[in-house]
Amino acid sequence: MRDDIINAVGLTKVFNGDVVAVDHISFSVREGEIFGFLGPNGAGKTTTINMLITVIKPTEGHATVCGYDIVKQAGEVRNRIGVVPQEYTADEDLTGYENIILCGDLYGIPREVSKKRAAELLELVELTKFKDKKVETYSGGMRRRLELACGLINRPRVLFLDEPTLGLDVQTRAAIWDYIRLLKEEFNMTLFMTTHYLEEADALCDRVAIIDNGKIVKMGPPDELKRDLGGDIITLEIQAGDVEVANLIEEIPSVKEVKKQDNTYRIKVEDGEKTAPMIIEAIRNKGYAVTRLSLTKPTLDEVYLEYTGKSMRDEQGGRMSVWSQRRTIRKARA
């Protein structure tokens, strides 16, 4: 069993005395794994990262990163971590190479060392050809890769990635995924990432913590979380929406659970392909018609729906969170 490199116990952040952004969360991250915080805008993901990287102090609770307390030993923590923030932070008036050197200077790395590392990192993220061009000329994907290189200049044991592919197109997002996998597989780096992209968490993370309204509601490997749902999901609507047919559906042996929200039934079943026709037949025998039916295999969105009662795809964050993300997306598309 690998050692834990991050430990958080009862971590809490309250703003202005009454706004609870992070609510007594406890978790650990194992060395060498990709650990993901999955949740919508405003769930508390970035606030958690900001506490762990010592940008803000927790209101309650405590945490250690690389064995050092994030409050009492903040300097030791900073020396051992790298950060790729959600927003683009590179100076647009400097070249890519100059930005990496600047980050090295901020860490106090000797110039002869940072120059060598900068060349290696530019090669790693495939920006060597563009190292002498100003960042203002970079595409969104190039900027994100540069941010990644800047976050690695001090050779961190833990790299924090806050929404690393926000606003990027599908092809560029896939390329960033490859870099993230490379850091884990070839450098045995620990990565702590936040995302609201379901497919990103599923594809990259060894373990995922689902966070909603500042609380961790479920945690585990993506495949395990999906298996725990215990079956396929059938969603249906009937023509007479005000009629209650939950009891009728529950009588079918392969049906495990029926939930109704408004006029929509969400049914957890074994072997959805065989059970769906049985449900339709039972409803028709009572004189009702099914107007819509869909069958899905367990997904992380279904996991989120199971434990929060709402679909993450429909969630919206606060105005400031949305504004911040829109600004990042505009830069990514520039």
Protein backbone atom coordinates (compact mmCIF):
# COMPACT_ATOMS: atom_id res chain seq x y z
CA MET A 1 0.00 0.00 0.00
CA ARG A 2 1.39 3.38 -0.97
CA ASP A 3 1.69 6.06 1.70
CA ASP A 4 -0.74 8.95 1.86
CA ILE A 5 0.81 12.17 0.59
CA ILE A 6 -2.20 14.37 1.41
CA ASN A 7 -4.36 14.05 4.50
CA ALA A 8 -7.29 16.30 5.34
CA VAL A 9 -9.43 16.01 8.46
CA GLY A 10 -12.53 18.14 9.00
CA LEU A 11 -11.30 20.75 6.52
CA THR A 12 -13.69 23.70 6.52
CA LYS A 13 -13.79 27.18 5.00
CA VAL A 14 -16.38 29.81 5.88
CA PHE A 15 -16.38 33.19 4.17
CA ASN A 16 -17.82 36.36 5.71
CA GLY A 17 -18.88 34.43 8.79
CA ASP A 18 -21.81 32.61 7.21
CA VAL A 19 -20.97 31.37 3.68
CA VAL A 20 -19.80 27.76 4.04
CA ALA A 21 -17.74 26.93 0.96
CA VAL A 22 -16.15 23.73 2.28
CA ASP A 23 -17.92 21.85 5.05
CA HIS A 24 -15.86 19.54 7.30
CA ILE A 25 -14.43 17.29 4.59
CA SER A 26 -11.97 14.48 5.31
CA PHE A 27 -9.98 12.54 2.71
CA SER A 28 -6.53 11.27 1.84
CA VAL A 29 -4.55 11.05 -1.39
CA ARG A 30 -2.09 8.24 -1.98
CA GLU A 31 1.33 8.92 -3.36
CA GLY A 32 1.52 8.35 -7.11
CA GLU A 33 -2.20 8.43 -7.83
CA ILE A 34 -4.44 10.80 -9.77
CA PHE A 35 -7.09 11.96 -7.34
CA GLY A 36 -10.07 13.92 -8.60
CA PHE A 37 -12.61 16.27 -7.08
CA LEU A 38 -15.73 15.99 -9.24
CA GLY A 39 -18.50 18.52 -8.86
CA PRO A 40 -20.29 21.48 -10.44
CA ASN A 41 -19.27 25.11 -10.31
CA GLY A 42 -19.48 26.42 -6.76
CA ALA A 43 -19.22 23.00 -5.12
CA GLY A 44 -16.08 23.90 -3.15
CA LYS A 45 -13.41 22.36 -5.37
CA THR A 46 -11.22 25.41 -5.93
CA THR A 47 -11.58 26.53 -2.31
CA THR A 48 -10.27 23.13 -1.21
CA ILE A 49 -7.28 23.41 -3.52
CA ASN A 50 -6.57 26.95 -2.31
CA MET A 51 -6.41 25.68 1.26
CA LEU A 52 -4.15 22.77 0.37
CA ILE A 53 -1.73 24.99 -1.56
CA THR A 54 -1.68 27.47 1.37
CA VAL A 55 -3.30 30.38 -0.50
CA ILE A 56 -6.07 30.62 2.10
CA LYS A 57 -6.26 29.30 5.65
CA PRO A 58 -8.97 26.88 6.74
CA THR A 59 -11.58 28.07 9.19
CA GLU A 60 -11.59 24.68 10.92
CA GLY A 61 -9.86 21.34 10.55
CA HIS A 62 -6.35 20.62 9.41
CA ALA A 63 -4.45 19.04 6.54
CA THR A 64 -0.94 17.93 5.64
CA VAL A 65 0.70 17.84 2.22
CA CYS A 66 3.92 15.84 1.84
CA GLY A 67 3.86 15.45 5.61
CA TYR A 68 3.78 19.20 6.35
CA ASP A 69 0.95 21.14 7.97
CA ILE A 70 -0.65 23.56 5.49
CA VAL A 71 -0.89 26.33 8.10
CA LYS A 72 2.07 25.85 10.42
CA GLN A 73 4.53 24.74 7.71
CA ALA A 74 3.17 26.54 4.66
CA GLY A 75 6.63 27.28 3.24
CA GLU A 76 7.61 23.61 3.29
CA VAL A 77 4.37 22.72 1.52
CA ARG A 78 4.93 25.32 -1.22
CA ASN A 79 8.45 24.05 -1.91
CA ARG A 80 7.09 20.59 -2.68
CA ILE A 81 4.04 21.32 -4.81
CA GLY A 82 3.23 22.64 -8.25
CA VAL A 83 0.03 24.42 -9.23
CA VAL A 84 -1.79 24.81 -12.53
CA PRO A 85 -4.65 27.19 -11.71
CA GLN A 86 -7.97 27.34 -13.49
CA GLU A 87 -7.27 30.78 -14.93
CA TYR A 88 -4.36 31.54 -17.22
CA THR A 89 -1.61 33.26 -15.26
CA ALA A 90 1.28 33.44 -17.75
CA ASP A 91 2.45 36.96 -18.62
CA GLU A 92 1.30 37.59 -22.18
CA ASP A 93 4.07 40.14 -22.80
CA LEU A 94 6.75 37.53 -22.09
CA THR A 95 7.76 34.55 -24.19
CA GLY A 96 6.97 31.01 -23.14
CA TYR A 97 10.60 30.46 -22.14
CA GLU A 98 10.69 33.69 -20.11
CA ASN A 99 7.55 32.71 -18.23
CA ILE A 100 9.07 29.41 -17.13
CA ILE A 101 12.29 31.13 -16.05
CA LEU A 102 10.24 33.66 -14.09
CA CYS A 103 8.51 30.84 -12.23
CA GLY A 104 11.91 29.35 -11.47
CA ASP A 105 13.05 32.69 -10.05
CA LEU A 106 9.97 32.86 -7.82
CA TYR A 107 10.89 29.46 -6.39
CA GLY A 108 14.46 30.63 -5.81
CA ILE A 109 15.89 28.11 -8.27
CA PRO A 110 19.38 29.09 -9.52
CA ARG A 111 19.29 30.36 -13.11
CA GLU A 112 21.70 27.72 -14.42
CA VAL A 113 19.33 25.05 -13.07
CA SER A 114 16.09 26.68 -14.21
CA LYS A 115 17.42 27.22 -17.75
CA LYS A 116 18.14 23.53 -18.10
CA ARG A 117 14.78 22.56 -16.65
CA ALA A 118 12.96 25.07 -18.86
CA ALA A 119 14.43 23.49 -21.96
CA GLU A 120 13.39 20.03 -20.75
CA LEU A 121 9.87 21.15 -19.90
CA LEU A 122 9.36 22.94 -23.22
CA GLU A 123 10.33 19.70 -24.92
CA LEU A 124 7.96 17.73 -22.68
CA VAL A 125 4.95 19.89 -23.58
CA GLU A 126 6.02 20.27 -27.22
CA LEU A 127 6.54 24.03 -27.15
CA THR A 128 10.24 24.20 -28.02
CA LYS A 129 9.49 25.67 -31.45
CA PHE A 130 7.43 28.44 -29.84
CA LYS A 131 9.61 29.18 -26.81
CA ASP A 132 10.68 32.62 -28.08
CA LYS A 133 7.20 33.75 -29.11
CA LYS A 134 5.13 35.96 -26.82
CA VAL A 135 2.36 34.17 -24.97
CA GLU A 136 -0.20 36.57 -26.46
CA THR A 137 0.27 34.69 -29.75
CA TYR A 138 -0.39 31.26 -28.17
CA SER A 139 -3.58 29.29 -28.70
CA GLY A 140 -5.63 28.08 -25.72
CA GLY A 141 -4.03 24.63 -25.88
CA MET A 142 -0.52 26.09 -26.03
CA ARG A 143 -1.25 28.32 -23.04
CA ARG A 144 -2.49 25.38 -21.01
CA ARG A 145 0.61 23.37 -21.87
CA LEU A 146 2.78 26.33 -20.86
CA GLU A 147 0.94 26.58 -17.53
CA LEU A 148 1.65 22.88 -17.04
CA ALA A 149 5.36 23.44 -17.70
CA CYS A 150 5.44 26.37 -15.26
CA GLY A 151 3.82 24.20 -12.60
CA LEU A 152 6.60 21.62 -12.99
CA ILE A 153 9.65 23.90 -12.81
CA ASN A 154 10.36 23.03 -9.17
CA ARG A 155 9.92 19.28 -9.80
CA PRO A 156 7.02 18.95 -7.37
CA ARG A 157 5.99 15.81 -5.55
CA VAL A 158 2.34 16.84 -5.91
CA LEU A 159 0.85 18.76 -8.82
CA PHE A 160 -2.49 20.50 -8.29
CA LEU A 161 -4.60 20.95 -11.43
CA ASP A 162 -7.71 23.12 -11.16
CA GLU A 163 -10.03 22.41 -14.10
CA PRO A 164 -7.03 21.66 -16.36
CA THR A 165 -8.98 21.44 -19.63
CA LEU A 166 -11.65 24.10 -19.11
CA GLY A 167 -12.65 25.71 -22.39
CA LEU A 168 -10.43 23.54 -24.59
CA ASP A 169 -11.66 21.71 -27.67
CA VAL A 170 -11.94 17.93 -27.64
CA GLN A 171 -8.66 17.29 -29.47
CA THR A 172 -6.64 19.61 -27.23
CA ARG A 173 -8.31 18.20 -24.12
CA ALA A 174 -7.24 14.70 -25.16
CA ALA A 175 -3.66 15.93 -25.57
CA ILE A 176 -3.67 17.41 -22.05
CA TRP A 177 -4.98 14.08 -20.75
CA ASP A 178 -1.95 12.39 -22.32
CA TYR A 179 0.43 14.79 -20.53
CA ILE A 180 -1.31 14.12 -17.22
CA ARG A 181 -1.01 10.36 -17.68
CA LEU A 182 2.65 10.79 -18.63
CA LEU A 183 3.40 12.62 -15.38
CA LYS A 184 1.94 9.78 -13.37
CA GLU A 185 3.31 6.85 -15.34
CA GLU A 186 6.84 8.07 -16.09
CA PHE A 187 7.52 10.39 -13.17
CA ASN A 188 5.36 8.71 -10.49
CA MET A 189 3.93 12.12 -9.69
CA THR A 190 0.87 12.58 -7.50
CA LEU A 191 -1.82 14.68 -9.16
CA PHE A 192 -4.77 16.32 -7.44
CA MET A 193 -7.22 17.62 -10.00
CA THR A 194 -10.63 19.23 -9.99
CA THR A 195 -13.09 18.88 -12.83
CA HIS A 196 -16.75 19.12 -13.67
CA TYR A 197 -16.24 17.03 -16.80
CA LEU A 198 -17.59 13.56 -16.08
CA GLU A 199 -15.64 11.88 -18.87
CA GLU A 200 -12.41 13.50 -17.66
CA ALA A 201 -12.74 12.11 -14.15
CA ASP A 202 -13.67 8.71 -15.54
CA ALA A 203 -10.74 8.59 -17.95
CA LEU A 204 -7.98 9.92 -15.70
CA CYS A 205 -8.65 9.47 -12.00
CA ASP A 206 -7.65 6.49 -9.91
CA ARG A 207 -10.11 7.71 -7.29
CA VAL A 208 -12.80 10.36 -7.32
CA ALA A 209 -14.42 12.34 -4.53
CA ILE A 210 -17.84 13.66 -5.50
CA ILE A 211 -18.33 17.03 -3.84
CA ASP A 212 -21.62 18.92 -3.59
CA ASN A 213 -22.37 22.07 -1.62
CA GLY A 214 -19.00 21.85 0.09
CA LYS A 215 -19.41 18.26 1.27
CA ILE A 216 -17.93 15.00 -0.01
CA VAL A 217 -20.92 12.75 -0.65
CA LYS A 218 -19.11 9.72 -2.10
CA MET A 219 -15.55 8.65 -2.81
CA GLY A 220 -13.85 5.77 -4.59
CA PRO A 221 -12.51 4.49 -7.93
CA PRO A 222 -14.81 5.47 -10.84
CA ASP A 223 -15.52 1.86 -11.82
CA GLU A 224 -16.35 0.95 -8.24
CA LEU A 225 -18.69 3.92 -7.86
CA LYS A 226 -20.54 2.89 -10.99
CA ARG A 227 -20.73 -0.76 -9.92
CA ASP A 228 -22.17 0.29 -6.58
CA LEU A 229 -25.24 1.61 -8.36
CA GLY A 230 -26.15 -2.03 -8.83
CA GLY A 231 -27.64 -2.11 -12.27
CA ASP A 232 -28.84 -0.30 -15.39
CA ILE A 233 -30.98 2.81 -15.27
CA ILE A 234 -34.29 3.12 -17.14
CA THR A 235 -35.85 6.56 -17.38
CA LEU A 236 -39.43 6.83 -18.63
CA GLU A 237 -42.46 9.05 -18.85
CA ILE A 238 -46.07 8.00 -19.37
CA GLN A 239 -48.83 9.82 -21.17
CA ALA A 240 -50.96 10.34 -18.07
CA GLY A 241 -48.20 12.05 -16.11
CA ASP A 242 -50.24 12.47 -12.93
CA VAL A 243 -50.90 8.73 -12.60
CA GLU A 244 -48.81 6.84 -10.04
CA VAL A 245 -47.35 3.58 -11.43
CA ALA A 246 -44.34 3.13 -9.14
CA ASN A 247 -45.95 0.24 -7.25
CA LEU A 248 -46.78 -1.47 -10.53
CA ILE A 249 -43.19 -1.21 -11.74
CA GLU A 250 -41.78 -2.40 -8.42
CA GLU A 251 -43.67 -5.69 -8.78
CA ILE A 252 -41.43 -6.72 -11.68
CA PRO A 253 -38.77 -9.07 -10.19
CA SER A 254 -35.73 -7.53 -11.90
CA VAL A 255 -36.60 -4.00 -10.74
CA LYS A 256 -34.47 -2.90 -7.78
CA GLU A 257 -35.65 0.64 -7.16
CA VAL A 258 -38.11 3.19 -8.50
CA LYS A 259 -37.88 6.95 -7.94
CA LYS A 260 -40.26 9.55 -9.32
CA GLN A 261 -39.40 13.18 -9.93
CA ASP A 262 -42.15 15.31 -11.45
CA ASN A 263 -43.50 13.12 -14.27
CA THR A 264 -40.31 11.13 -14.80
CA TYR A 265 -39.59 7.69 -13.35
CA ARG A 266 -35.99 6.65 -12.72
CA ILE A 267 -35.80 2.88 -12.40
CA LYS A 268 -32.78 0.85 -11.31
CA VAL A 269 -32.91 -2.64 -12.85
CA GLU A 270 -30.94 -5.77 -13.56
CA ASP A 271 -30.38 -6.42 -17.26
CA GLY A 272 -32.07 -3.33 -18.69
CA GLU A 273 -32.47 -4.78 -22.18
CA LYS A 274 -34.74 -7.54 -20.87
CA THR A 275 -36.51 -5.52 -18.20
CA ALA A 276 -37.52 -2.50 -20.31
CA PRO A 277 -40.04 -4.45 -22.46
CA MET A 278 -41.53 -5.97 -19.29
CA ILE A 279 -42.07 -2.50 -17.81
CA ILE A 280 -43.67 -1.21 -21.00
CA GLU A 281 -45.99 -4.22 -21.16
CA ALA A 282 -47.04 -3.83 -17.51
CA ILE A 283 -47.89 -0.16 -18.05
CA ARG A 284 -49.79 -0.86 -21.27
CA ASN A 285 -51.85 -3.55 -19.56
CA LYS A 286 -53.12 -0.84 -17.22
CA GLY A 287 -54.18 1.28 -20.19
CA TYR A 288 -51.34 3.81 -20.12
CA ALA A 289 -48.82 4.64 -22.85
CA VAL A 290 -45.08 5.16 -22.43
CA THR A 291 -44.17 8.43 -24.20
CA ARG A 292 -40.43 8.35 -23.56
CA LEU A 293 -37.98 5.69 -22.45
CA SER A 294 -34.20 5.62 -22.25
CA LEU A 295 -31.80 2.96 -21.02
CA THR A 296 -28.35 3.86 -19.74
CA LYS A 297 -25.50 1.92 -18.22
CA PRO A 298 -24.12 3.36 -14.96
CA THR A 299 -22.12 6.56 -15.48
CA LEU A 300 -20.54 9.04 -13.11
CA ASP A 301 -23.46 11.36 -13.79
CA GLU A 302 -25.76 8.59 -12.57
CA VAL A 303 -23.54 8.21 -9.51
CA TYR A 304 -23.79 11.95 -8.85
CA LEU A 305 -27.56 11.81 -9.32
CA GLU A 306 -27.79 8.84 -6.95
CA TYR A 307 -26.02 10.58 -4.08
CA THR A 308 -27.12 14.20 -4.56
CA GLY A 309 -30.57 13.83 -6.09
CA LYS A 310 -29.68 15.98 -9.10
CA SER A 311 -27.77 15.68 -12.34
CA MET A 312 -24.42 17.42 -12.39
CA ARG A 313 -24.93 18.30 -16.04
CA ASP A 314 -27.79 20.56 -14.97
CA GLU A 315 -25.99 22.17 -12.06
CA GLN A 316 -25.03 25.84 -12.17
CA GLY A 317 -22.55 27.66 -9.97
CA GLY A 318 -22.72 31.13 -8.52
CA ARG A 319 -22.35 34.25 -10.63
CA MET A 320 -18.71 34.84 -9.71
CA SER A 321 -17.77 31.23 -10.45
CA VAL A 322 -19.49 31.30 -13.83
CA TRP A 323 -17.93 34.68 -14.68
CA SER A 324 -14.47 33.35 -13.83
CA GLN A 325 -14.93 30.27 -15.98
CA ARG A 326 -16.22 32.31 -18.90
CA ARG A 327 -13.14 34.50 -18.74
CA THR A 328 -10.92 31.41 -18.80
CA ILE A 329 -12.84 29.99 -21.76
CA ARG A 330 -12.49 33.25 -23.69
CA LYS A 331 -8.72 33.12 -23.23
CA ALA A 332 -8.62 29.46 -24.22
CA ARG A 333 -10.41 30.23 -27.45
CA ALA A 334 -8.33 33.30 -28.26
